[in-house]
Amino acid sequence: MAKTLSPEEYREQYLALQRRRENWISPWQLLRENRVEEAFEVFRKNRREITVHGVRVGQALMWTGQYELATRQLEESVGISKKLPMRSESAYAFLGAAHWCLENYVSAFRYWRAGISAPYATGGICTQTPLLLIAGSILQPGLFSRAKAEDILRSKLSDPRAGTRTEHWPASLGKFVLGTVPKEAMAAWWVRTTRLYEVVMERDRPWLTAFYEAVLDLGAGRLTRTEFRRFMRQRTDQSIFKDWELDPWEHLMLVPEFYIARFEGSQATD
């Protein structure tokens, strides 16, 4: 029977892990410092990163704006995982986002649609790709039915197999997008309690909520496309993250919506 650890024992284990990692440099820290070649050298040396079927490398390529290379890396990852089979919803989410940034919108929708059936869902409940389908249907209307995307998300949230996961993030974001949870209530899902019983703000969560709120406002006509793109440019400007510690910054860089926002923002006019 596994031993139940006290808060003090959890903390000691955590600190011991941190001490072991003192000499390890995060490739995302290097990317943040624009030390791109060094970052990819760390990826090459770190077998654990490579054996996650290249998804992390694909995400790093997205950060550097190398979308063509990212699509090839992520497509290879999805292909390998189909044989294992260990494909994740996140791989499809990022693959679609990479195609979006290349203005290959039809391909983006195709991969997001395929991600709905991935065995390993983000957060244990498949909401990431249905959310992207909704965002895409608003940003590029006519390519995919918004009503159909909302039905897909609604079916995932009502699936009895999801259990209590529907009460947690990211399911709560899905409920917000469907209009069943008001914006004022979302702050309750922006924090989590660690194993050390510390309440931590997950800074990527309010960012994602703001992203989808802006997308919904665009769809409702409360924002013009020009206003939306200017907002996306502001929300992806790295200067607004200068006071963020590495972990929350990295978490945000590992969500596909950031790159869609950055792409949309790049088309903003003054």
C-alpha atoms as a PDB file:
ATOM      1  CA  MET A   1       0.000   0.000   0.000  1.00  0.00           C
ATOM      2  CA  ALA A   2       1.386   3.396  -0.973  1.00  0.00           C
ATOM      3  CA  LYS A   3       2.478   5.636   1.874  1.00  0.00           C
ATOM      4  CA  THR A   4       0.500   8.828   2.400  1.00  0.00           C
ATOM      5  CA  LEU A   5       2.944  11.719   2.604  1.00  0.00           C
ATOM      6  CA  SER A   6       2.541  14.628   4.971  1.00  0.00           C
ATOM      7  CA  PRO A   7       2.737  18.211   3.625  1.00  0.00           C
ATOM      8  CA  GLU A   8       6.284  18.444   5.024  1.00  0.00           C
ATOM      9  CA  GLU A   9       7.310  15.255   3.193  1.00  0.00           C
ATOM     10  CA  TYR A  10       5.753  16.488  -0.042  1.00  0.00           C
ATOM     11  CA  ARG A  11       7.681  19.734   0.295  1.00  0.00           C
ATOM     12  CA  GLU A  12      10.958  17.909   0.945  1.00  0.00           C
ATOM     13  CA  GLN A  13      10.442  15.705  -2.110  1.00  0.00           C
ATOM     14  CA  TYR A  14       9.674  18.772  -4.192  1.00  0.00           C
ATOM     15  CA  LEU A  15      12.785  20.608  -2.988  1.00  0.00           C
ATOM     16  CA  ALA A  16      14.936  17.527  -3.635  1.00  0.00           C
ATOM     17  CA  LEU A  17      13.627  17.389  -7.202  1.00  0.00           C
ATOM     18  CA  GLN A  18      14.395  21.070  -7.650  1.00  0.00           C
ATOM     19  CA  ARG A  19      17.951  20.531  -6.398  1.00  0.00           C
ATOM     20  CA  ARG A  20      18.453  17.763  -8.976  1.00  0.00           C
ATOM     21  CA  ARG A  21      17.277  20.101 -11.702  1.00  0.00           C
ATOM     22  CA  GLU A  22      19.525  23.019 -10.715  1.00  0.00           C
ATOM     23  CA  ASN A  23      22.014  22.260 -13.476  1.00  0.00           C
ATOM     24  CA  TRP A  24      19.336  21.662 -16.109  1.00  0.00           C
ATOM     25  CA  ILE A  25      18.367  24.530 -18.410  1.00  0.00           C
ATOM     26  CA  SER A  26      14.849  24.602 -19.787  1.00  0.00           C
ATOM     27  CA  PRO A  27      14.780  24.899 -23.583  1.00  0.00           C
ATOM     28  CA  TRP A  28      11.842  27.255 -23.147  1.00  0.00           C
ATOM     29  CA  GLN A  29      13.957  29.548 -21.008  1.00  0.00           C
ATOM     30  CA  LEU A  30      16.453  29.605 -23.862  1.00  0.00           C
ATOM     31  CA  LEU A  31      13.686  30.304 -26.377  1.00  0.00           C
ATOM     32  CA  ARG A  32      12.429  33.117 -24.185  1.00  0.00           C
ATOM     33  CA  GLU A  33      15.926  34.612 -24.309  1.00  0.00           C
ATOM     34  CA  ASN A  34      16.001  34.156 -28.107  1.00  0.00           C
ATOM     35  CA  ARG A  35      18.791  31.572 -27.793  1.00  0.00           C
ATOM     36  CA  VAL A  36      17.102  29.431 -30.405  1.00  0.00           C
ATOM     37  CA  GLU A  37      19.974  27.196 -31.499  1.00  0.00           C
ATOM     38  CA  GLU A  38      20.853  26.398 -27.898  1.00  0.00           C
ATOM     39  CA  ALA A  39      17.220  25.569 -27.161  1.00  0.00           C
ATOM     40  CA  PHE A  40      16.974  23.078 -30.013  1.00  0.00           C
ATOM     41  CA  GLU A  41      20.263  21.534 -28.957  1.00  0.00           C
ATOM     42  CA  VAL A  42      18.678  20.836 -25.562  1.00  0.00           C
ATOM     43  CA  PHE A  43      15.686  19.282 -27.310  1.00  0.00           C
ATOM     44  CA  ARG A  44      18.018  17.058 -29.349  1.00  0.00           C
ATOM     45  CA  LYS A  45      19.900  15.911 -26.274  1.00  0.00           C
ATOM     46  CA  ASN A  46      16.854  15.375 -24.103  1.00  0.00           C
ATOM     47  CA  ARG A  47      15.442  12.046 -25.243  1.00  0.00           C
ATOM     48  CA  ARG A  48      12.348  12.482 -23.113  1.00  0.00           C
ATOM     49  CA  GLU A  49      11.352  15.514 -25.186  1.00  0.00           C
ATOM     50  CA  ILE A  50      11.936  13.670 -28.455  1.00  0.00           C
ATOM     51  CA  THR A  51      10.039  10.544 -27.432  1.00  0.00           C
ATOM     52  CA  VAL A  52       6.866  12.530 -26.780  1.00  0.00           C
ATOM     53  CA  HIS A  53       6.597  12.020 -30.556  1.00  0.00           C
ATOM     54  CA  GLY A  54       8.089  15.399 -31.346  1.00  0.00           C
ATOM     55  CA  VAL A  55       5.106  17.417 -30.161  1.00  0.00           C
ATOM     56  CA  ARG A  56       7.274  19.562 -27.902  1.00  0.00           C
ATOM     57  CA  VAL A  57       9.700  20.193 -30.750  1.00  0.00           C
ATOM     58  CA  GLY A  58       6.759  21.111 -32.975  1.00  0.00           C
ATOM     59  CA  GLN A  59       5.538  23.541 -30.341  1.00  0.00           C
ATOM     60  CA  ALA A  60       8.988  25.115 -30.136  1.00  0.00           C
ATOM     61  CA  LEU A  61       9.039  25.496 -33.916  1.00  0.00           C
ATOM     62  CA  MET A  62       5.690  27.270 -33.619  1.00  0.00           C
ATOM     63  CA  TRP A  63       7.238  29.693 -31.139  1.00  0.00           C
ATOM     64  CA  THR A  64      10.009  30.523 -33.592  1.00  0.00           C
ATOM     65  CA  GLY A  65       7.472  31.071 -36.385  1.00  0.00           C
ATOM     66  CA  GLN A  66       8.703  28.107 -38.440  1.00  0.00           C
ATOM     67  CA  TYR A  67       5.218  26.905 -39.261  1.00  0.00           C
ATOM     68  CA  GLU A  68       6.128  24.761 -42.281  1.00  0.00           C
ATOM     69  CA  LEU A  69       8.669  22.844 -40.214  1.00  0.00           C
ATOM     70  CA  ALA A  70       6.184  22.651 -37.345  1.00  0.00           C
ATOM     71  CA  THR A  71       3.536  21.049 -39.542  1.00  0.00           C
ATOM     72  CA  ARG A  72       6.005  18.417 -40.768  1.00  0.00           C
ATOM     73  CA  GLN A  73       7.180  17.674 -37.231  1.00  0.00           C
ATOM     74  CA  LEU A  74       3.651  17.450 -35.862  1.00  0.00           C
ATOM     75  CA  GLU A  75       2.349  15.415 -38.802  1.00  0.00           C
ATOM     76  CA  GLU A  76       5.162  12.942 -38.202  1.00  0.00           C
ATOM     77  CA  SER A  77       4.253  12.840 -34.515  1.00  0.00           C
ATOM     78  CA  VAL A  78       0.621  12.099 -35.281  1.00  0.00           C
ATOM     79  CA  GLY A  79       1.654   9.435 -37.809  1.00  0.00           C
ATOM     80  CA  ILE A  80       3.959   7.685 -35.355  1.00  0.00           C
ATOM     81  CA  SER A  81       1.404   7.760 -32.575  1.00  0.00           C
ATOM     82  CA  LYS A  82      -1.297   6.252 -34.767  1.00  0.00           C
ATOM     83  CA  LYS A  83       0.826   3.126 -34.982  1.00  0.00           C
ATOM     84  CA  LEU A  84       1.502   2.917 -31.230  1.00  0.00           C
ATOM     85  CA  PRO A  85      -1.378   4.123 -30.648  1.00  0.00           C
ATOM     86  CA  MET A  86      -0.733   7.070 -28.316  1.00  0.00           C
ATOM     87  CA  ARG A  87      -1.901  10.113 -30.231  1.00  0.00           C
ATOM     88  CA  SER A  88      -2.944  13.072 -28.135  1.00  0.00           C
ATOM     89  CA  GLU A  89      -5.591  15.709 -28.713  1.00  0.00           C
ATOM     90  CA  SER A  90      -2.903  18.340 -28.126  1.00  0.00           C
ATOM     91  CA  ALA A  91      -0.891  17.151 -31.148  1.00  0.00           C
ATOM     92  CA  TYR A  92      -3.918  17.644 -33.399  1.00  0.00           C
ATOM     93  CA  ALA A  93      -4.698  20.977 -31.766  1.00  0.00           C
ATOM     94  CA  PHE A  94      -1.206  22.287 -32.498  1.00  0.00           C
ATOM     95  CA  LEU A  95      -1.099  20.769 -35.968  1.00  0.00           C
ATOM     96  CA  GLY A  96      -4.296  22.598 -36.834  1.00  0.00           C
ATOM     97  CA  ALA A  97      -2.930  25.825 -35.358  1.00  0.00           C
ATOM     98  CA  ALA A  98       0.253  25.505 -37.438  1.00  0.00           C
ATOM     99  CA  HIS A  99      -1.844  25.161 -40.588  1.00  0.00           C
ATOM    100  CA  TRP A 100      -3.941  28.123 -39.469  1.00  0.00           C
ATOM    101  CA  CYS A 101      -0.823  30.286 -39.261  1.00  0.00           C
ATOM    102  CA  LEU A 102      -0.032  29.247 -42.841  1.00  0.00           C
ATOM    103  CA  GLU A 103      -3.572  30.244 -43.846  1.00  0.00           C
ATOM    104  CA  ASN A 104      -4.344  26.608 -44.658  1.00  0.00           C
ATOM    105  CA  TYR A 105      -7.698  26.915 -42.937  1.00  0.00           C
ATOM    106  CA  VAL A 106      -9.309  23.819 -44.455  1.00  0.00           C
ATOM    107  CA  SER A 107      -6.420  21.693 -43.164  1.00  0.00           C
ATOM    108  CA  ALA A 108      -6.687  23.316 -39.753  1.00  0.00           C
ATOM    109  CA  PHE A 109     -10.337  22.330 -39.466  1.00  0.00           C
ATOM    110  CA  ARG A 110      -9.565  18.814 -40.696  1.00  0.00           C
ATOM    111  CA  TYR A 111      -6.972  18.196 -37.995  1.00  0.00           C
ATOM    112  CA  TRP A 112      -9.081  19.723 -35.245  1.00  0.00           C
ATOM    113  CA  ARG A 113     -11.970  17.522 -36.339  1.00  0.00           C
ATOM    114  CA  ALA A 114      -9.668  14.468 -36.204  1.00  0.00           C
ATOM    115  CA  GLY A 115      -8.449  15.478 -32.740  1.00  0.00           C
ATOM    116  CA  ILE A 116     -11.899  14.921 -31.308  1.00  0.00           C
ATOM    117  CA  SER A 117     -11.315  11.159 -31.586  1.00  0.00           C
ATOM    118  CA  ALA A 118      -7.790  11.161 -30.130  1.00  0.00           C
ATOM    119  CA  PRO A 119      -7.425   8.602 -27.288  1.00  0.00           C
ATOM    120  CA  TYR A 120      -5.579  11.006 -25.003  1.00  0.00           C
ATOM    121  CA  ALA A 121      -7.671  14.106 -24.393  1.00  0.00           C
ATOM    122  CA  THR A 122      -6.398  17.332 -22.889  1.00  0.00           C
ATOM    123  CA  GLY A 123      -7.482  17.476 -19.255  1.00  0.00           C
ATOM    124  CA  GLY A 124      -9.047  14.034 -19.558  1.00  0.00           C
ATOM    125  CA  ILE A 125     -12.018  15.394 -21.475  1.00  0.00           C
ATOM    126  CA  CYS A 126     -11.932  16.338 -25.137  1.00  0.00           C
ATOM    127  CA  THR A 127     -12.682  20.077 -25.128  1.00  0.00           C
ATOM    128  CA  GLN A 128      -9.531  21.569 -26.683  1.00  0.00           C
ATOM    129  CA  THR A 129     -10.222  20.724 -30.322  1.00  0.00           C
ATOM    130  CA  PRO A 130     -13.974  21.458 -30.149  1.00  0.00           C
ATOM    131  CA  LEU A 131     -13.097  24.883 -28.698  1.00  0.00           C
ATOM    132  CA  LEU A 132     -10.707  25.487 -31.571  1.00  0.00           C
ATOM    133  CA  LEU A 133     -13.432  24.457 -34.024  1.00  0.00           C
ATOM    134  CA  ILE A 134     -15.709  27.077 -32.501  1.00  0.00           C
ATOM    135  CA  ALA A 135     -13.008  29.756 -32.634  1.00  0.00           C
ATOM    136  CA  GLY A 136     -12.189  28.839 -36.216  1.00  0.00           C
ATOM    137  CA  SER A 137     -15.830  28.854 -37.283  1.00  0.00           C
ATOM    138  CA  ILE A 138     -16.098  32.459 -36.057  1.00  0.00           C
ATOM    139  CA  LEU A 139     -12.766  33.632 -37.458  1.00  0.00           C
ATOM    140  CA  GLN A 140     -13.334  31.968 -40.839  1.00  0.00           C
ATOM    141  CA  PRO A 141     -17.107  31.570 -41.191  1.00  0.00           C
ATOM    142  CA  GLY A 142     -18.292  29.322 -43.968  1.00  0.00           C
ATOM    143  CA  LEU A 143     -15.596  26.677 -43.600  1.00  0.00           C
ATOM    144  CA  PHE A 144     -17.095  24.906 -40.604  1.00  0.00           C
ATOM    145  CA  SER A 145     -20.490  25.224 -38.967  1.00  0.00           C
ATOM    146  CA  ARG A 146     -20.372  27.015 -35.639  1.00  0.00           C
ATOM    147  CA  ALA A 147     -23.555  25.236 -34.574  1.00  0.00           C
ATOM    148  CA  LYS A 148     -21.958  21.872 -35.337  1.00  0.00           C
ATOM    149  CA  ALA A 149     -18.810  22.809 -33.400  1.00  0.00           C
ATOM    150  CA  GLU A 150     -20.928  23.854 -30.420  1.00  0.00           C
ATOM    151  CA  ASP A 151     -22.864  20.582 -30.605  1.00  0.00           C
ATOM    152  CA  ILE A 152     -19.601  18.625 -30.539  1.00  0.00           C
ATOM    153  CA  LEU A 153     -18.393  20.530 -27.478  1.00  0.00           C
ATOM    154  CA  ARG A 154     -21.770  20.163 -25.783  1.00  0.00           C
ATOM    155  CA  SER A 155     -21.737  16.395 -26.352  1.00  0.00           C
ATOM    156  CA  LYS A 156     -18.257  16.105 -24.827  1.00  0.00           C
ATOM    157  CA  LEU A 157     -19.306  18.047 -21.749  1.00  0.00           C
ATOM    158  CA  SER A 158     -22.444  15.943 -21.298  1.00  0.00           C
ATOM    159  CA  ASP A 159     -20.734  12.581 -21.816  1.00  0.00           C
ATOM    160  CA  PRO A 160     -21.305  10.576 -18.589  1.00  0.00           C
ATOM    161  CA  ARG A 161     -17.869   9.001 -18.993  1.00  0.00           C
ATOM    162  CA  ALA A 162     -16.302  12.398 -18.282  1.00  0.00           C
ATOM    163  CA  GLY A 163     -17.499  12.193 -14.689  1.00  0.00           C
ATOM    164  CA  THR A 164     -16.354  14.980 -12.380  1.00  0.00           C
ATOM    165  CA  ARG A 165     -13.854  16.243 -14.949  1.00  0.00           C
ATOM    166  CA  THR A 166     -16.672  18.401 -16.327  1.00  0.00           C
ATOM    167  CA  GLU A 167     -16.469  20.423 -13.105  1.00  0.00           C
ATOM    168  CA  HIS A 168     -12.836  21.406 -13.647  1.00  0.00           C
ATOM    169  CA  TRP A 169     -10.634  23.271 -16.094  1.00  0.00           C
ATOM    170  CA  PRO A 170     -10.655  23.155 -19.134  1.00  0.00           C
ATOM    171  CA  ALA A 171     -14.269  21.956 -19.148  1.00  0.00           C
ATOM    172  CA  SER A 172     -15.223  25.198 -17.385  1.00  0.00           C
ATOM    173  CA  LEU A 173     -13.790  27.156 -20.320  1.00  0.00           C
ATOM    174  CA  GLY A 174     -15.978  25.138 -22.648  1.00  0.00           C
ATOM    175  CA  LYS A 175     -19.035  25.970 -20.546  1.00  0.00           C
ATOM    176  CA  PHE A 176     -18.110  29.645 -20.664  1.00  0.00           C
ATOM    177  CA  VAL A 177     -17.893  29.543 -24.460  1.00  0.00           C
ATOM    178  CA  LEU A 178     -21.287  27.793 -24.632  1.00  0.00           C
ATOM    179  CA  GLY A 179     -22.775  30.455 -22.367  1.00  0.00           C
ATOM    180  CA  THR A 180     -23.638  28.170 -19.441  1.00  0.00           C
ATOM    181  CA  VAL A 181     -21.051  29.706 -17.083  1.00  0.00           C
ATOM    182  CA  PRO A 182     -20.900  33.515 -16.765  1.00  0.00           C
ATOM    183  CA  LYS A 183     -17.621  35.380 -17.070  1.00  0.00           C
ATOM    184  CA  GLU A 184     -17.869  36.532 -13.440  1.00  0.00           C
ATOM    185  CA  ALA A 185     -17.676  32.918 -12.271  1.00  0.00           C
ATOM    186  CA  MET A 186     -14.567  32.023 -14.274  1.00  0.00           C
ATOM    187  CA  ALA A 187     -12.090  33.341 -11.704  1.00  0.00           C
ATOM    188  CA  ALA A 188     -12.834  30.307  -9.530  1.00  0.00           C
ATOM    189  CA  TRP A 189     -11.164  28.104 -12.182  1.00  0.00           C
ATOM    190  CA  TRP A 190      -8.115  30.322 -12.628  1.00  0.00           C
ATOM    191  CA  VAL A 191      -6.465  28.926  -9.497  1.00  0.00           C
ATOM    192  CA  ARG A 192      -5.426  25.475  -8.366  1.00  0.00           C
ATOM    193  CA  THR A 193      -4.226  23.935  -5.108  1.00  0.00           C
ATOM    194  CA  THR A 194      -0.846  22.214  -5.273  1.00  0.00           C
ATOM    195  CA  ARG A 195       0.174  19.061  -3.430  1.00  0.00           C
ATOM    196  CA  LEU A 196       1.843  21.392  -0.958  1.00  0.00           C
ATOM    197  CA  TYR A 197      -1.584  22.928  -0.265  1.00  0.00           C
ATOM    198  CA  GLU A 198      -0.635  26.218  -1.860  1.00  0.00           C
ATOM    199  CA  VAL A 199      -3.176  28.130  -3.937  1.00  0.00           C
ATOM    200  CA  VAL A 200      -1.576  29.079  -7.248  1.00  0.00           C
ATOM    201  CA  MET A 201      -2.897  31.358  -9.974  1.00  0.00           C
ATOM    202  CA  GLU A 202      -2.686  29.690 -13.382  1.00  0.00           C
ATOM    203  CA  ARG A 203      -1.954  32.799 -15.432  1.00  0.00           C
ATOM    204  CA  ASP A 204      -2.629  31.144 -18.789  1.00  0.00           C
ATOM    205  CA  ARG A 205      -6.255  30.563 -17.808  1.00  0.00           C
ATOM    206  CA  PRO A 206      -7.419  34.199 -17.635  1.00  0.00           C
ATOM    207  CA  TRP A 207      -5.480  34.765 -20.868  1.00  0.00           C
ATOM    208  CA  LEU A 208      -7.398  31.941 -22.570  1.00  0.00           C
ATOM    209  CA  THR A 209     -10.684  33.179 -21.162  1.00  0.00           C
ATOM    210  CA  ALA A 210      -9.984  36.646 -22.579  1.00  0.00           C
ATOM    211  CA  PHE A 211      -9.087  35.110 -25.938  1.00  0.00           C
ATOM    212  CA  TYR A 212     -12.387  33.267 -26.215  1.00  0.00           C
ATOM    213  CA  GLU A 213     -14.338  36.240 -24.889  1.00  0.00           C
ATOM    214  CA  ALA A 214     -12.859  38.343 -27.707  1.00  0.00           C
ATOM    215  CA  VAL A 215     -13.666  35.636 -30.270  1.00  0.00           C
ATOM    216  CA  LEU A 216     -17.263  35.514 -29.036  1.00  0.00           C
ATOM    217  CA  ASP A 217     -17.471  39.318 -29.130  1.00  0.00           C
ATOM    218  CA  LEU A 218     -16.249  39.239 -32.721  1.00  0.00           C
ATOM    219  CA  GLY A 219     -18.896  36.656 -33.580  1.00  0.00           C
ATOM    220  CA  ALA A 220     -21.602  38.749 -31.922  1.00  0.00           C
ATOM    221  CA  GLY A 221     -20.515  41.940 -33.655  1.00  0.00           C
ATOM    222  CA  ARG A 222     -19.368  43.622 -30.447  1.00  0.00           C
ATOM    223  CA  LEU A 223     -15.852  43.816 -31.927  1.00  0.00           C
ATOM    224  CA  THR A 224     -14.873  44.591 -35.491  1.00  0.00           C
ATOM    225  CA  ARG A 225     -12.209  42.449 -37.150  1.00  0.00           C
ATOM    226  CA  THR A 226      -9.819  45.402 -36.903  1.00  0.00           C
ATOM    227  CA  GLU A 227     -10.486  45.788 -33.182  1.00  0.00           C
ATOM    228  CA  PHE A 228     -10.135  42.059 -32.649  1.00  0.00           C
ATOM    229  CA  ARG A 229      -6.781  41.915 -34.415  1.00  0.00           C
ATOM    230  CA  ARG A 230      -5.463  44.883 -32.471  1.00  0.00           C
ATOM    231  CA  PHE A 231      -6.504  43.201 -29.238  1.00  0.00           C
ATOM    232  CA  MET A 232      -4.762  39.977 -30.293  1.00  0.00           C
ATOM    233  CA  ARG A 233      -1.608  41.920 -31.108  1.00  0.00           C
ATOM    234  CA  GLN A 234      -1.647  43.475 -27.671  1.00  0.00           C
ATOM    235  CA  ARG A 235      -2.354  40.158 -25.931  1.00  0.00           C
ATOM    236  CA  THR A 236       0.583  38.399 -27.616  1.00  0.00           C
ATOM    237  CA  ASP A 237       3.150  41.166 -27.228  1.00  0.00           C
ATOM    238  CA  GLN A 238       5.942  39.632 -25.151  1.00  0.00           C
ATOM    239  CA  SER A 239       6.349  42.840 -23.157  1.00  0.00           C
ATOM    240  CA  ILE A 240       3.157  42.068 -21.217  1.00  0.00           C
ATOM    241  CA  PHE A 241       4.717  38.824 -19.935  1.00  0.00           C
ATOM    242  CA  LYS A 242       7.966  40.307 -18.651  1.00  0.00           C
ATOM    243  CA  ASP A 243       6.950  39.839 -15.001  1.00  0.00           C
ATOM    244  CA  TRP A 244       5.775  36.254 -15.545  1.00  0.00           C
ATOM    245  CA  GLU A 245       7.902  33.467 -14.124  1.00  0.00           C
ATOM    246  CA  LEU A 246       9.041  30.767 -16.521  1.00  0.00           C
ATOM    247  CA  ASP A 247       6.453  28.082 -15.666  1.00  0.00           C
ATOM    248  CA  PRO A 248       3.287  30.124 -16.316  1.00  0.00           C
ATOM    249  CA  TRP A 249       4.879  31.706 -19.392  1.00  0.00           C
ATOM    250  CA  GLU A 250       5.774  28.269 -20.754  1.00  0.00           C
ATOM    251  CA  HIS A 251       2.264  26.997 -20.041  1.00  0.00           C
ATOM    252  CA  LEU A 252       0.857  29.800 -22.168  1.00  0.00           C
ATOM    253  CA  MET A 253       3.314  29.117 -24.982  1.00  0.00           C
ATOM    254  CA  LEU A 254       2.042  25.534 -24.936  1.00  0.00           C
ATOM    255  CA  VAL A 255      -1.536  26.415 -25.860  1.00  0.00           C
ATOM    256  CA  PRO A 256      -2.379  26.581 -29.583  1.00  0.00           C
ATOM    257  CA  GLU A 257      -4.671  29.573 -29.126  1.00  0.00           C
ATOM    258  CA  PHE A 258      -1.623  31.743 -28.399  1.00  0.00           C
ATOM    259  CA  TYR A 259      -0.304  31.175 -31.922  1.00  0.00           C
ATOM    260  CA  ILE A 260      -3.674  31.767 -33.549  1.00  0.00           C
ATOM    261  CA  ALA A 261      -3.883  35.014 -31.579  1.00  0.00           C
ATOM    262  CA  ARG A 262      -0.346  35.983 -32.590  1.00  0.00           C
ATOM    263  CA  PHE A 263      -1.116  35.263 -36.248  1.00  0.00           C
ATOM    264  CA  GLU A 264      -4.327  37.292 -36.129  1.00  0.00           C
ATOM    265  CA  GLY A 265      -2.488  40.095 -34.330  1.00  0.00           C
ATOM    266  CA  SER A 266       0.203  40.146 -36.996  1.00  0.00           C
ATOM    267  CA  GLN A 267      -2.462  41.279 -39.476  1.00  0.00           C
ATOM    268  CA  ALA A 268      -3.579  44.223 -37.363  1.00  0.00           C
ATOM    269  CA  THR A 269      -3.462  47.694 -38.857  1.00  0.00           C
ATOM    270  CA  ASP A 270      -2.792  50.837 -36.845  1.00  0.00           C
END
